[in-house]
C-alpha atoms as a PDB file:
ATOM      1  CA  MET A   1     139.896 164.888  87.444  1.00  0.00           C
ATOM      2  CA  HIS A   2     138.408 165.598  83.906  1.00  0.00           C
ATOM      3  CA  LYS A   3     138.124 162.572  81.704  1.00  0.00           C
ATOM      4  CA  ARG A   4     138.188 163.315  77.950  1.00  0.00           C
ATOM      5  CA  LEU A   5     135.098 161.787  76.552  1.00  0.00           C
ATOM      6  CA  LEU A   6     135.070 159.349  73.612  1.00  0.00           C
ATOM      7  CA  ILE A   7     131.711 157.874  74.246  1.00  0.00           C
ATOM      8  CA  PRO A   8     128.757 158.080  71.958  1.00  0.00           C
ATOM      9  CA  GLY A   9     127.598 161.082  73.866  1.00  0.00           C
ATOM     10  CA  PRO A  10     127.944 163.562  75.522  1.00  0.00           C
ATOM     11  CA  THR A  11     131.109 164.149  73.561  1.00  0.00           C
ATOM     12  CA  GLU A  12     134.008 166.403  74.626  1.00  0.00           C
ATOM     13  CA  VAL A  13     133.240 170.201  74.793  1.00  0.00           C
ATOM     14  CA  SER A  14     136.117 172.576  74.347  1.00  0.00           C
ATOM     15  CA  ALA A  15     136.841 175.311  76.881  1.00  0.00           C
ATOM     16  CA  GLY A  16     136.018 177.869  74.157  1.00  0.00           C
ATOM     17  CA  MET A  17     132.516 176.470  73.614  1.00  0.00           C
ATOM     18  CA  LEU A  18     131.914 176.341  77.461  1.00  0.00           C
ATOM     19  CA  HIS A  19     133.168 180.068  77.565  1.00  0.00           C
ATOM     20  CA  GLU A  20     130.512 181.122  74.941  1.00  0.00           C
ATOM     21  CA  GLN A  21     127.781 180.271  77.442  1.00  0.00           C
ATOM     22  CA  THR A  22     129.126 182.807  80.079  1.00  0.00           C
ATOM     23  CA  ARG A  23     127.870 185.794  78.139  1.00  0.00           C
ATOM     24  CA  PHE A  24     125.146 188.121  79.652  1.00  0.00           C
ATOM     25  CA  LEU A  25     121.579 186.995  78.871  1.00  0.00           C
ATOM     26  CA  ILE A  26     119.190 188.883  76.677  1.00  0.00           C
ATOM     27  CA  GLY A  27     115.440 188.920  76.547  1.00  0.00           C
ATOM     28  CA  HIS A  28     114.028 186.204  74.341  1.00  0.00           C
ATOM     29  CA  ARG A  29     111.454 188.669  73.105  1.00  0.00           C
ATOM     30  CA  ALA A  30     113.991 191.347  72.330  1.00  0.00           C
ATOM     31  CA  LYS A  31     115.498 192.356  69.000  1.00  0.00           C
ATOM     32  CA  GLU A  32     118.938 191.053  70.062  1.00  0.00           C
ATOM     33  CA  PHE A  33     117.419 187.530  70.338  1.00  0.00           C
ATOM     34  CA  THR A  34     115.761 187.739  67.011  1.00  0.00           C
ATOM     35  CA  GLU A  35     119.121 188.521  65.462  1.00  0.00           C
ATOM     36  CA  LEU A  36     120.762 185.680  67.346  1.00  0.00           C
ATOM     37  CA  TYR A  37     118.214 183.053  66.497  1.00  0.00           C
ATOM     38  CA  THR A  38     117.635 183.977  62.942  1.00  0.00           C
ATOM     39  CA  GLY A  39     121.335 184.014  62.305  1.00  0.00           C
ATOM     40  CA  ILE A  40     121.625 180.491  63.804  1.00  0.00           C
ATOM     41  CA  ILE A  41     118.756 179.254  61.537  1.00  0.00           C
ATOM     42  CA  GLU A  42     120.311 180.848  58.467  1.00  0.00           C
ATOM     43  CA  LYS A  43     123.626 179.103  59.240  1.00  0.00           C
ATOM     44  CA  LEU A  44     121.918 175.736  59.676  1.00  0.00           C
ATOM     45  CA  ASN A  45     120.086 176.166  56.386  1.00  0.00           C
ATOM     46  CA  LYS A  46     123.401 176.993  54.640  1.00  0.00           C
ATOM     47  CA  PHE A  47     125.364 174.104  56.221  1.00  0.00           C
ATOM     48  CA  PHE A  48     122.628 171.548  55.188  1.00  0.00           C
ATOM     49  CA  GLN A  49     122.087 173.246  51.857  1.00  0.00           C
ATOM     50  CA  LEU A  50     118.294 173.307  52.433  1.00  0.00           C
ATOM     51  CA  PRO A  51     115.752 174.233  49.646  1.00  0.00           C
ATOM     52  CA  ASP A  52     112.885 176.460  50.579  1.00  0.00           C
ATOM     53  CA  SER A  53     110.654 173.433  51.021  1.00  0.00           C
ATOM     54  CA  GLN A  54     112.615 172.383  54.154  1.00  0.00           C
ATOM     55  CA  LYS A  55     112.779 174.452  57.366  1.00  0.00           C
ATOM     56  CA  THR A  56     114.931 174.355  60.485  1.00  0.00           C
ATOM     57  CA  THR A  57     114.060 174.917  64.109  1.00  0.00           C
ATOM     58  CA  VAL A  58     116.063 174.610  67.381  1.00  0.00           C
ATOM     59  CA  THR A  59     114.193 173.334  70.417  1.00  0.00           C
ATOM     60  CA  THR A  60     115.231 173.632  73.963  1.00  0.00           C
ATOM     61  CA  SER A  61     115.239 169.901  74.766  1.00  0.00           C
ATOM     62  CA  SER A  62     117.110 166.669  74.282  1.00  0.00           C
ATOM     63  CA  GLY A  63     116.682 164.932  71.063  1.00  0.00           C
ATOM     64  CA  THR A  64     114.061 162.684  72.667  1.00  0.00           C
ATOM     65  CA  LEU A  65     111.472 165.414  72.525  1.00  0.00           C
ATOM     66  CA  TRP A  66     111.464 164.755  68.752  1.00  0.00           C
ATOM     67  CA  PHE A  67     110.218 161.162  69.282  1.00  0.00           C
ATOM     68  CA  ASP A  68     107.113 162.833  70.793  1.00  0.00           C
ATOM     69  CA  ILE A  69     106.855 165.581  68.153  1.00  0.00           C
ATOM     70  CA  VAL A  70     106.687 162.892  65.591  1.00  0.00           C
ATOM     71  CA  GLY A  71     104.143 160.978  67.607  1.00  0.00           C
ATOM     72  CA  ARG A  72     102.009 164.016  68.257  1.00  0.00           C
ATOM     73  CA  SER A  73     102.408 166.057  65.014  1.00  0.00           C
ATOM     74  CA  ILE A  74     103.354 163.656  62.203  1.00  0.00           C
ATOM     75  CA  VAL A  75     101.724 160.260  62.691  1.00  0.00           C
ATOM     76  CA  LYS A  76      98.132 160.265  61.739  1.00  0.00           C
ATOM     77  CA  GLU A  77      97.015 156.831  62.847  1.00  0.00           C
ATOM     78  CA  LYS A  78      99.732 154.092  62.379  1.00  0.00           C
ATOM     79  CA  ALA A  79     103.505 154.088  62.035  1.00  0.00           C
ATOM     80  CA  LEU A  80     106.068 151.405  60.927  1.00  0.00           C
ATOM     81  CA  ALA A  81     109.069 151.681  63.358  1.00  0.00           C
ATOM     82  CA  CYS A  82     112.307 150.215  61.994  1.00  0.00           C
ATOM     83  CA  THR A  83     114.284 148.880  64.974  1.00  0.00           C
ATOM     84  CA  ASN A  84     117.777 147.453  64.991  1.00  0.00           C
ATOM     85  CA  GLY A  85     118.969 148.658  68.313  1.00  0.00           C
ATOM     86  CA  ALA A  86     117.880 150.255  71.608  1.00  0.00           C
ATOM     87  CA  PHE A  87     117.330 153.770  70.389  1.00  0.00           C
ATOM     88  CA  SER A  88     115.370 153.037  67.248  1.00  0.00           C
ATOM     89  CA  GLU A  89     113.174 150.770  69.507  1.00  0.00           C
ATOM     90  CA  ARG A  90     112.806 153.673  71.904  1.00  0.00           C
ATOM     91  CA  PHE A  91     111.689 155.898  69.049  1.00  0.00           C
ATOM     92  CA  GLY A  92     108.867 153.442  68.088  1.00  0.00           C
ATOM     93  CA  LYS A  93     107.767 153.008  71.749  1.00  0.00           C
ATOM     94  CA  ALA A  94     107.598 156.779  72.162  1.00  0.00           C
ATOM     95  CA  VAL A  95     105.250 157.099  69.309  1.00  0.00           C
ATOM     96  CA  GLN A  96     103.210 154.305  70.822  1.00  0.00           C
ATOM     97  CA  ALA A  97     103.044 156.206  74.057  1.00  0.00           C
ATOM     98  CA  CYS A  98     101.650 159.152  72.134  1.00  0.00           C
ATOM     99  CA  GLY A  99      98.559 157.039  71.546  1.00  0.00           C
ATOM    100  CA  LYS A 100      99.243 156.058  67.891  1.00  0.00           C
ATOM    101  CA  LYS A 101      99.382 152.561  66.572  1.00  0.00           C
ATOM    102  CA  VAL A 102     102.849 151.155  65.761  1.00  0.00           C
ATOM    103  CA  ASP A 103     104.096 148.025  64.160  1.00  0.00           C
ATOM    104  CA  PHE A 104     107.792 147.126  64.642  1.00  0.00           C
ATOM    105  CA  LEU A 105     110.098 145.985  61.845  1.00  0.00           C
ATOM    106  CA  ASP A 106     112.561 144.271  64.054  1.00  0.00           C
ATOM    107  CA  VAL A 107     116.018 143.635  62.573  1.00  0.00           C
ATOM    108  CA  GLU A 108     118.790 141.681  64.301  1.00  0.00           C
ATOM    109  CA  TRP A 109     121.054 144.044  66.417  1.00  0.00           C
ATOM    110  CA  GLY A 110     124.264 144.656  64.385  1.00  0.00           C
ATOM    111  CA  LYS A 111     122.427 144.472  61.000  1.00  0.00           C
ATOM    112  CA  ALA A 112     121.164 147.364  58.986  1.00  0.00           C
ATOM    113  CA  VAL A 113     117.660 148.002  57.867  1.00  0.00           C
ATOM    114  CA  LYS A 114     117.426 147.654  54.041  1.00  0.00           C
ATOM    115  CA  PRO A 115     114.958 149.265  51.577  1.00  0.00           C
ATOM    116  CA  GLY A 116     113.577 145.838  50.674  1.00  0.00           C
ATOM    117  CA  MET A 117     112.692 145.041  54.209  1.00  0.00           C
ATOM    118  CA  ILE A 118     110.698 148.200  54.470  1.00  0.00           C
ATOM    119  CA  ALA A 119     108.923 147.791  51.119  1.00  0.00           C
ATOM    120  CA  GLU A 120     107.560 144.447  52.187  1.00  0.00           C
ATOM    121  CA  LYS A 121     105.719 146.095  55.071  1.00  0.00           C
ATOM    122  CA  LEU A 122     104.728 149.337  53.353  1.00  0.00           C
ATOM    123  CA  ASP A 123     103.147 147.406  50.535  1.00  0.00           C
ATOM    124  CA  SER A 124     100.217 146.791  52.901  1.00  0.00           C
ATOM    125  CA  GLY A 125      99.260 150.417  52.589  1.00  0.00           C
ATOM    126  CA  GLU A 126      98.373 150.697  56.315  1.00  0.00           C
ATOM    127  CA  TYR A 127     101.089 153.069  57.517  1.00  0.00           C
ATOM    128  CA  ASP A 128     101.207 156.796  57.172  1.00  0.00           C
ATOM    129  CA  THR A 129     104.645 157.311  58.757  1.00  0.00           C
ATOM    130  CA  LEU A 130     107.943 155.393  58.909  1.00  0.00           C
ATOM    131  CA  THR A 131     110.476 155.998  61.756  1.00  0.00           C
ATOM    132  CA  ILE A 132     114.072 154.962  61.570  1.00  0.00           C
ATOM    133  CA  CYS A 133     117.292 155.650  63.386  1.00  0.00           C
ATOM    134  CA  HIS A 134     120.072 156.842  60.959  1.00  0.00           C
ATOM    135  CA  ASN A 135     122.968 156.153  63.316  1.00  0.00           C
ATOM    136  CA  GLU A 136     122.253 153.453  65.932  1.00  0.00           C
ATOM    137  CA  THR A 137     124.713 154.074  68.724  1.00  0.00           C
ATOM    138  CA  SER A 138     123.920 150.909  70.682  1.00  0.00           C
ATOM    139  CA  THR A 139     125.270 148.831  67.753  1.00  0.00           C
ATOM    140  CA  GLY A 140     127.412 151.116  65.655  1.00  0.00           C
ATOM    141  CA  VAL A 141     125.191 150.595  62.636  1.00  0.00           C
ATOM    142  CA  ARG A 142     124.545 153.242  59.994  1.00  0.00           C
ATOM    143  CA  ASN A 143     121.230 152.653  58.241  1.00  0.00           C
ATOM    144  CA  PRO A 144     121.229 153.459  54.520  1.00  0.00           C
ATOM    145  CA  ILE A 145     118.803 156.454  54.775  1.00  0.00           C
ATOM    146  CA  TYR A 146     119.533 157.863  51.279  1.00  0.00           C
ATOM    147  CA  GLU A 147     118.471 154.611  49.578  1.00  0.00           C
ATOM    148  CA  ILE A 148     115.529 154.321  51.924  1.00  0.00           C
ATOM    149  CA  GLY A 149     114.438 157.903  51.155  1.00  0.00           C
ATOM    150  CA  LYS A 150     114.809 157.430  47.430  1.00  0.00           C
ATOM    151  CA  MET A 151     112.698 154.180  47.494  1.00  0.00           C
ATOM    152  CA  MET A 152     110.027 155.830  49.633  1.00  0.00           C
ATOM    153  CA  ARG A 153     109.610 158.946  47.494  1.00  0.00           C
ATOM    154  CA  LYS A 154     109.266 156.795  44.391  1.00  0.00           C
ATOM    155  CA  ASP A 155     106.963 154.049  45.640  1.00  0.00           C
ATOM    156  CA  TYR A 156     105.390 155.367  48.826  1.00  0.00           C
ATOM    157  CA  PRO A 157     105.030 159.168  48.413  1.00  0.00           C
ATOM    158  CA  ASP A 158     102.235 159.463  50.956  1.00  0.00           C
ATOM    159  CA  VAL A 159     104.252 157.928  53.802  1.00  0.00           C
ATOM    160  CA  MET A 160     106.112 160.412  55.948  1.00  0.00           C
ATOM    161  CA  LEU A 161     109.853 159.567  56.651  1.00  0.00           C
ATOM    162  CA  ALA A 162     110.940 160.650  60.133  1.00  0.00           C
ATOM    163  CA  ILE A 163     114.680 160.079  60.974  1.00  0.00           C
ATOM    164  CA  ASP A 164     116.519 160.134  64.259  1.00  0.00           C
ATOM    165  CA  SER A 165     119.979 161.374  63.387  1.00  0.00           C
ATOM    166  CA  ILE A 166     120.808 162.350  66.971  1.00  0.00           C
ATOM    167  CA  SER A 167     124.368 160.870  66.760  1.00  0.00           C
ATOM    168  CA  GLY A 168     124.867 161.367  63.114  1.00  0.00           C
ATOM    169  CA  MET A 169     124.071 164.907  62.116  1.00  0.00           C
ATOM    170  CA  VAL A 170     127.093 167.146  61.623  1.00  0.00           C
ATOM    171  CA  GLY A 171     129.366 164.145  61.657  1.00  0.00           C
ATOM    172  CA  ASP A 172     128.172 162.099  58.765  1.00  0.00           C
ATOM    173  CA  LYS A 173     127.277 163.523  55.382  1.00  0.00           C
ATOM    174  CA  LEU A 174     123.692 164.704  55.670  1.00  0.00           C
ATOM    175  CA  LEU A 175     121.701 166.425  52.910  1.00  0.00           C
ATOM    176  CA  PRO A 176     118.073 166.263  53.873  1.00  0.00           C
ATOM    177  CA  SER A 177     116.944 167.323  50.376  1.00  0.00           C
ATOM    178  CA  GLU A 178     118.764 164.416  48.821  1.00  0.00           C
ATOM    179  CA  ILE A 179     117.466 162.076  51.407  1.00  0.00           C
ATOM    180  CA  GLY A 180     113.918 163.109  50.840  1.00  0.00           C
ATOM    181  CA  CYS A 181     112.977 162.892  54.500  1.00  0.00           C
ATOM    182  CA  ASP A 182     110.147 164.881  56.097  1.00  0.00           C
ATOM    183  CA  VAL A 183     111.657 165.118  59.575  1.00  0.00           C
ATOM    184  CA  ILE A 184     115.220 164.678  60.784  1.00  0.00           C
ATOM    185  CA  TYR A 185     116.717 165.847  64.084  1.00  0.00           C
ATOM    186  CA  ALA A 186     119.763 165.674  66.294  1.00  0.00           C
ATOM    187  CA  SER A 187     121.003 166.826  69.780  1.00  0.00           C
ATOM    188  CA  THR A 188     123.787 169.290  70.532  1.00  0.00           C
ATOM    189  CA  GLN A 189     125.688 166.870  72.886  1.00  0.00           C
ATOM    190  CA  LYS A 190     126.776 164.638  69.979  1.00  0.00           C
ATOM    191  CA  CYS A 191     128.451 165.705  66.878  1.00  0.00           C
ATOM    192  CA  PHE A 192     127.784 169.460  67.464  1.00  0.00           C
ATOM    193  CA  ALA A 193     130.197 169.040  70.437  1.00  0.00           C
ATOM    194  CA  LEU A 194     128.064 171.230  72.863  1.00  0.00           C
ATOM    195  CA  PRO A 195     126.488 170.443  76.144  1.00  0.00           C
ATOM    196  CA  PRO A 196     123.112 168.661  76.155  1.00  0.00           C
ATOM    197  CA  GLY A 197     120.062 170.893  76.030  1.00  0.00           C
ATOM    198  CA  LEU A 198     119.262 171.885  72.470  1.00  0.00           C
ATOM    199  CA  ALA A 199     117.907 169.764  69.527  1.00  0.00           C
ATOM    200  CA  VAL A 200     118.031 170.772  65.852  1.00  0.00           C
ATOM    201  CA  GLY A 201     115.072 169.719  63.710  1.00  0.00           C
ATOM    202  CA  ILE A 202     114.654 169.964  59.946  1.00  0.00           C
ATOM    203  CA  VAL A 203     111.088 169.555  58.734  1.00  0.00           C
ATOM    204  CA  SER A 204     109.623 169.567  55.123  1.00  0.00           C
ATOM    205  CA  ASP A 205     106.645 171.636  54.088  1.00  0.00           C
ATOM    206  CA  ARG A 206     104.583 168.567  53.462  1.00  0.00           C
ATOM    207  CA  ALA A 207     105.214 167.430  57.024  1.00  0.00           C
ATOM    208  CA  LEU A 208     103.904 170.803  58.287  1.00  0.00           C
ATOM    209  CA  GLU A 209     100.821 170.328  56.111  1.00  0.00           C
ATOM    210  CA  ARG A 210     100.349 166.798  57.634  1.00  0.00           C
ATOM    211  CA  ALA A 211     100.698 168.316  61.142  1.00  0.00           C
ATOM    212  CA  ARG A 212      97.911 170.877  60.448  1.00  0.00           C
ATOM    213  CA  GLU A 213      95.495 167.950  59.806  1.00  0.00           C
ATOM    214  CA  ILE A 214      96.360 166.193  63.135  1.00  0.00           C
ATOM    215  CA  PRO A 215      94.372 167.053  66.325  1.00  0.00           C
ATOM    216  CA  ASN A 216      95.782 167.089  69.819  1.00  0.00           C
ATOM    217  CA  ARG A 217      99.287 167.930  68.900  1.00  0.00           C
ATOM    218  CA  GLY A 218     100.134 168.992  72.420  1.00  0.00           C
ATOM    219  CA  MET A 219     101.873 172.242  73.383  1.00  0.00           C
ATOM    220  CA  TYR A 220     105.620 171.751  73.287  1.00  0.00           C
ATOM    221  CA  THR A 221     105.254 169.065  70.613  1.00  0.00           C
ATOM    222  CA  ASN A 222     103.145 171.204  68.221  1.00  0.00           C
ATOM    223  CA  LEU A 223     105.110 171.629  65.041  1.00  0.00           C
ATOM    224  CA  VAL A 224     102.619 174.067  63.589  1.00  0.00           C
ATOM    225  CA  ARG A 225     102.889 176.338  66.539  1.00  0.00           C
ATOM    226  CA  ILE A 226     106.752 176.265  66.439  1.00  0.00           C
ATOM    227  CA  PHE A 227     106.951 177.196  62.766  1.00  0.00           C
ATOM    228  CA  ASP A 228     104.067 179.603  62.605  1.00  0.00           C
ATOM    229  CA  TYR A 229     105.581 181.515  65.515  1.00  0.00           C
ATOM    230  CA  TYR A 230     108.845 181.769  63.706  1.00  0.00           C
ATOM    231  CA  GLU A 231     107.191 182.981  60.567  1.00  0.00           C
ATOM    232  CA  ARG A 232     105.495 185.691  62.503  1.00  0.00           C
ATOM    233  CA  LYS A 233     108.052 186.699  65.150  1.00  0.00           C
ATOM    234  CA  HIS A 234     111.341 185.015  64.081  1.00  0.00           C
ATOM    235  CA  GLN A 235     111.624 183.746  67.610  1.00  0.00           C
ATOM    236  CA  THR A 236     110.808 180.612  69.576  1.00  0.00           C
ATOM    237  CA  PRO A 237     107.218 180.131  70.928  1.00  0.00           C
ATOM    238  CA  PHE A 238     108.633 178.979  74.337  1.00  0.00           C
ATOM    239  CA  THR A 239     111.503 180.119  76.555  1.00  0.00           C
ATOM    240  CA  PRO A 240     114.860 179.121  74.887  1.00  0.00           C
ATOM    241  CA  ASN A 241     118.133 178.238  76.386  1.00  0.00           C
ATOM    242  CA  ILE A 242     119.928 181.472  75.351  1.00  0.00           C
ATOM    243  CA  SER A 243     123.318 180.466  76.824  1.00  0.00           C
ATOM    244  CA  LEU A 244     123.463 177.311  74.689  1.00  0.00           C
ATOM    245  CA  LEU A 245     122.323 179.193  71.633  1.00  0.00           C
ATOM    246  CA  TYR A 246     125.259 181.458  72.033  1.00  0.00           C
ATOM    247  CA  ALA A 247     127.470 178.387  71.859  1.00  0.00           C
ATOM    248  CA  LEU A 248     125.521 176.963  68.868  1.00  0.00           C
ATOM    249  CA  ASP A 249     125.960 180.166  66.975  1.00  0.00           C
ATOM    250  CA  LYS A 250     129.712 179.868  67.426  1.00  0.00           C
ATOM    251  CA  ARG A 251     129.730 176.234  66.579  1.00  0.00           C
ATOM    252  CA  MET A 252     128.002 176.966  63.292  1.00  0.00           C
ATOM    253  CA  ASP A 253     130.576 179.501  62.363  1.00  0.00           C
ATOM    254  CA  LEU A 254     133.337 176.995  62.980  1.00  0.00           C
ATOM    255  CA  LEU A 255     131.418 174.232  61.033  1.00  0.00           C
ATOM    256  CA  LEU A 256     130.900 176.461  58.009  1.00  0.00           C
ATOM    257  CA  GLU A 257     134.535 177.475  58.154  1.00  0.00           C
ATOM    258  CA  GLU A 258     135.534 173.801  58.040  1.00  0.00           C
ATOM    259  CA  THR A 259     132.873 173.127  55.378  1.00  0.00           C
ATOM    260  CA  PRO A 260     130.306 170.264  55.362  1.00  0.00           C
ATOM    261  CA  GLU A 261     132.658 168.143  53.332  1.00  0.00           C
ATOM    262  CA  GLY A 262     135.607 168.849  55.519  1.00  0.00           C
ATOM    263  CA  VAL A 263     133.655 167.968  58.609  1.00  0.00           C
ATOM    264  CA  TYR A 264     132.507 164.690  57.010  1.00  0.00           C
ATOM    265  CA  GLN A 265     136.035 163.766  55.916  1.00  0.00           C
ATOM    266  CA  ARG A 266     137.502 164.330  59.368  1.00  0.00           C
ATOM    267  CA  HIS A 267     134.865 161.914  60.834  1.00  0.00           C
ATOM    268  CA  LYS A 268     135.369 159.414  58.155  1.00  0.00           C
ATOM    269  CA  VAL A 269     139.167 159.328  58.489  1.00  0.00           C
ATOM    270  CA  MET A 270     138.689 158.822  62.348  1.00  0.00           C
ATOM    271  CA  ALA A 271     136.167 156.076  61.742  1.00  0.00           C
ATOM    272  CA  GLU A 272     138.369 154.188  59.224  1.00  0.00           C
ATOM    273  CA  TYR A 273     141.341 154.262  61.529  1.00  0.00           C
ATOM    274  CA  THR A 274     139.226 153.002  64.467  1.00  0.00           C
ATOM    275  CA  ARG A 275     137.713 150.171  62.321  1.00  0.00           C
ATOM    276  CA  LYS A 276     141.174 149.156  61.139  1.00  0.00           C
ATOM    277  CA  TRP A 277     142.413 148.935  64.683  1.00  0.00           C
ATOM    278  CA  ALA A 278     139.367 146.947  65.761  1.00  0.00           C
ATOM    279  CA  ARG A 279     139.691 144.454  62.967  1.00  0.00           C
ATOM    280  CA  LYS A 280     143.377 143.992  63.919  1.00  0.00           C
ATOM    281  CA  HIS A 281     142.664 143.063  67.522  1.00  0.00           C
ATOM    282  CA  PHE A 282     138.990 142.217  67.714  1.00  0.00           C
ATOM    283  CA  ALA A 283     136.001 142.294  65.241  1.00  0.00           C
ATOM    284  CA  LEU A 284     133.372 144.884  64.388  1.00  0.00           C
ATOM    285  CA  PHE A 285     129.816 144.410  65.668  1.00  0.00           C
ATOM    286  CA  ALA A 286     128.172 146.275  62.770  1.00  0.00           C
ATOM    287  CA  GLU A 287     127.338 144.525  59.480  1.00  0.00           C
ATOM    288  CA  PRO A 288     130.064 145.097  56.844  1.00  0.00           C
ATOM    289  CA  GLY A 289     129.244 148.131  54.667  1.00  0.00           C
ATOM    290  CA  TYR A 290     126.975 149.669  57.251  1.00  0.00           C
ATOM    291  CA  GLU A 291     129.404 150.899  59.901  1.00  0.00           C
ATOM    292  CA  SER A 292     128.816 154.239  61.647  1.00  0.00           C
ATOM    293  CA  VAL A 293     130.987 157.189  60.818  1.00  0.00           C
ATOM    294  CA  THR A 294     130.672 158.651  64.368  1.00  0.00           C
ATOM    295  CA  VAL A 295     130.896 155.739  66.790  1.00  0.00           C
ATOM    296  CA  THR A 296     132.539 152.255  66.390  1.00  0.00           C
ATOM    297  CA  CYS A 297     131.037 149.221  68.194  1.00  0.00           C
ATOM    298  CA  ILE A 298     133.601 146.486  68.714  1.00  0.00           C
ATOM    299  CA  LYS A 299     133.069 142.817  69.656  1.00  0.00           C
ATOM    300  CA  ASN A 300     134.956 141.996  72.731  1.00  0.00           C
ATOM    301  CA  THR A 301     136.340 138.724  71.193  1.00  0.00           C
ATOM    302  CA  LEU A 302     139.312 138.530  73.676  1.00  0.00           C
ATOM    303  CA  GLY A 303     136.916 138.666  76.692  1.00  0.00           C
ATOM    304  CA  LYS A 304     138.663 141.641  78.216  1.00  0.00           C
ATOM    305  CA  SER A 305     137.079 143.623  81.070  1.00  0.00           C
ATOM    306  CA  VAL A 306     135.913 146.887  79.578  1.00  0.00           C
ATOM    307  CA  LYS A 307     134.899 148.126  83.116  1.00  0.00           C
ATOM    308  CA  GLU A 308     138.475 147.629  84.265  1.00  0.00           C
ATOM    309  CA  LEU A 309     139.823 149.310  81.021  1.00  0.00           C
ATOM    310  CA  ASN A 310     137.785 152.410  81.684  1.00  0.00           C
ATOM    311  CA  GLU A 311     139.016 152.499  85.262  1.00  0.00           C
ATOM    312  CA  LYS A 312     142.558 152.538  83.932  1.00  0.00           C
ATOM    313  CA  LEU A 313     141.730 154.918  81.170  1.00  0.00           C
ATOM    314  CA  ALA A 314     140.341 157.310  83.738  1.00  0.00           C
ATOM    315  CA  GLU A 315     143.700 157.471  85.378  1.00  0.00           C
ATOM    316  CA  ARG A 316     145.024 158.707  81.960  1.00  0.00           C
ATOM    317  CA  HIS A 317     142.131 161.164  81.544  1.00  0.00           C
ATOM    318  CA  PHE A 318     140.155 159.212  78.947  1.00  0.00           C
ATOM    319  CA  MET A 319     136.724 157.457  78.820  1.00  0.00           C
ATOM    320  CA  ILE A 320     135.222 155.213  76.193  1.00  0.00           C
ATOM    321  CA  SER A 321     131.937 153.336  76.425  1.00  0.00           C
ATOM    322  CA  ASN A 322     130.953 149.798  77.431  1.00  0.00           C
ATOM    323  CA  GLY A 323     128.434 147.958  75.294  1.00  0.00           C
ATOM    324  CA  TYR A 324     124.806 149.196  75.582  1.00  0.00           C
ATOM    325  CA  GLY A 325     122.360 147.152  77.701  1.00  0.00           C
ATOM    326  CA  LYS A 326     122.585 143.482  76.793  1.00  0.00           C
ATOM    327  CA  LEU A 327     125.805 144.047  74.912  1.00  0.00           C
ATOM    328  CA  ALA A 328     127.703 145.250  77.992  1.00  0.00           C
ATOM    329  CA  GLU A 329     131.100 143.595  78.123  1.00  0.00           C
ATOM    330  CA  LYS A 330     130.294 141.734  74.982  1.00  0.00           C
ATOM    331  CA  THR A 331     131.100 144.793  73.056  1.00  0.00           C
ATOM    332  CA  PHE A 332     132.636 148.281  73.650  1.00  0.00           C
ATOM    333  CA  ARG A 333     132.276 151.563  71.782  1.00  0.00           C
ATOM    334  CA  VAL A 334     134.581 154.396  70.741  1.00  0.00           C
ATOM    335  CA  GLY A 335     132.951 157.565  69.934  1.00  0.00           C
ATOM    336  CA  HIS A 336     134.837 159.664  67.266  1.00  0.00           C
ATOM    337  CA  MET A 337     132.578 162.726  66.905  1.00  0.00           C
ATOM    338  CA  GLY A 338     132.467 166.363  67.451  1.00  0.00           C
ATOM    339  CA  GLU A 339     135.815 168.201  67.793  1.00  0.00           C
ATOM    340  CA  TRP A 340     137.939 165.002  67.906  1.00  0.00           C
ATOM    341  CA  ASN A 341     140.501 164.416  65.230  1.00  0.00           C
ATOM    342  CA  LEU A 342     142.745 161.572  64.079  1.00  0.00           C
ATOM    343  CA  ALA A 343     145.568 162.513  66.497  1.00  0.00           C
ATOM    344  CA  GLY A 344     143.249 162.211  69.437  1.00  0.00           C
ATOM    345  CA  ILE A 345     141.838 158.885  68.232  1.00  0.00           C
ATOM    346  CA  LYS A 346     145.271 157.418  67.765  1.00  0.00           C
ATOM    347  CA  GLU A 347     146.278 158.550  71.316  1.00  0.00           C
ATOM    348  CA  VAL A 348     143.345 156.859  73.076  1.00  0.00           C
ATOM    349  CA  LEU A 349     143.800 153.682  71.056  1.00  0.00           C
ATOM    350  CA  TRP A 350     147.437 153.622  71.907  1.00  0.00           C
ATOM    351  CA  HIS A 351     146.483 153.901  75.643  1.00  0.00           C
ATOM    352  CA  ILE A 352     144.122 150.843  75.125  1.00  0.00           C
ATOM    353  CA  ASP A 353     146.999 148.894  73.388  1.00  0.00           C
ATOM    354  CA  GLU A 354     149.188 149.530  76.335  1.00  0.00           C
ATOM    355  CA  ILE A 355     146.620 148.784  79.100  1.00  0.00           C
ATOM    356  CA  TRP A 356     145.446 145.540  77.393  1.00  0.00           C
ATOM    357  CA  GLY A 357     148.911 144.483  76.066  1.00  0.00           C
ATOM    358  CA  LEU A 358     147.631 144.240  72.519  1.00  0.00           C
END
């Protein structure tokens, strides 16, 4: 029995996208692959309106690889990790595991990281990189990355800005050139509405210059090798997941047809409807004004059993998410990303109303 996924990821994948992966394989050093891969890169660049100073790559990996890429190829000595949830904390710990020094700017779960908080820390001059999670799925908080990027480019131009947008990219409005970030990345199993297995990374020229100065970048985490190989061969330096790239190629066609603004507005409408429903029956966990566009985290103020809800939803072919970690049963989360639309969100919320008697 298939349960339609409204969790923070993986999200629902359509039959059409799954079918794209059934095409015959091609050699990853063949002309056919070069055409496929360069076409995907061009479509990504167009969707994100990238200037020449920002470049895109697709790695065969989960988004977590990019924690290590930042740790091995971007951080020189010491990073400031902004943490306001489980995944931003994981980002900082991953950089630490790469042998770099890390200080944590800990913000209460449910609250956003503000530019002023960061400035207080960066004024010390001891950090060369800042890490932050754009869309913290454990709490449903959307950090103000545009304001943070603007502040950093103005006041701390030598500090690299690395952003985890694993669950925000291609759902929320994302223009890396306006943010002024040096690294931003996402996974295909979130808003791209594809199976897990690929990650999209956008990197600035100055980040690549930084990477060239750093020793021991590793192999799979070596940004210089990834982009130098593409410049020379227009391919990936390591064996790619060709089947998933077929699906990503088709997904980019559909996203460009819908337009970046159209994609954002569809996600925004779903988010606003879900928040309105949550406020009517419960309360939102995220700080007002900083709510995610792709996942809503709801306080379980009525003390309902989320586990039992999901058991009953499964009978109706749906699945939402319990609270993450220490927030289990205290909160629950509704993912509204990828191919979902307002009609689908209304349907699942109607089922929750009926099951819980709201």
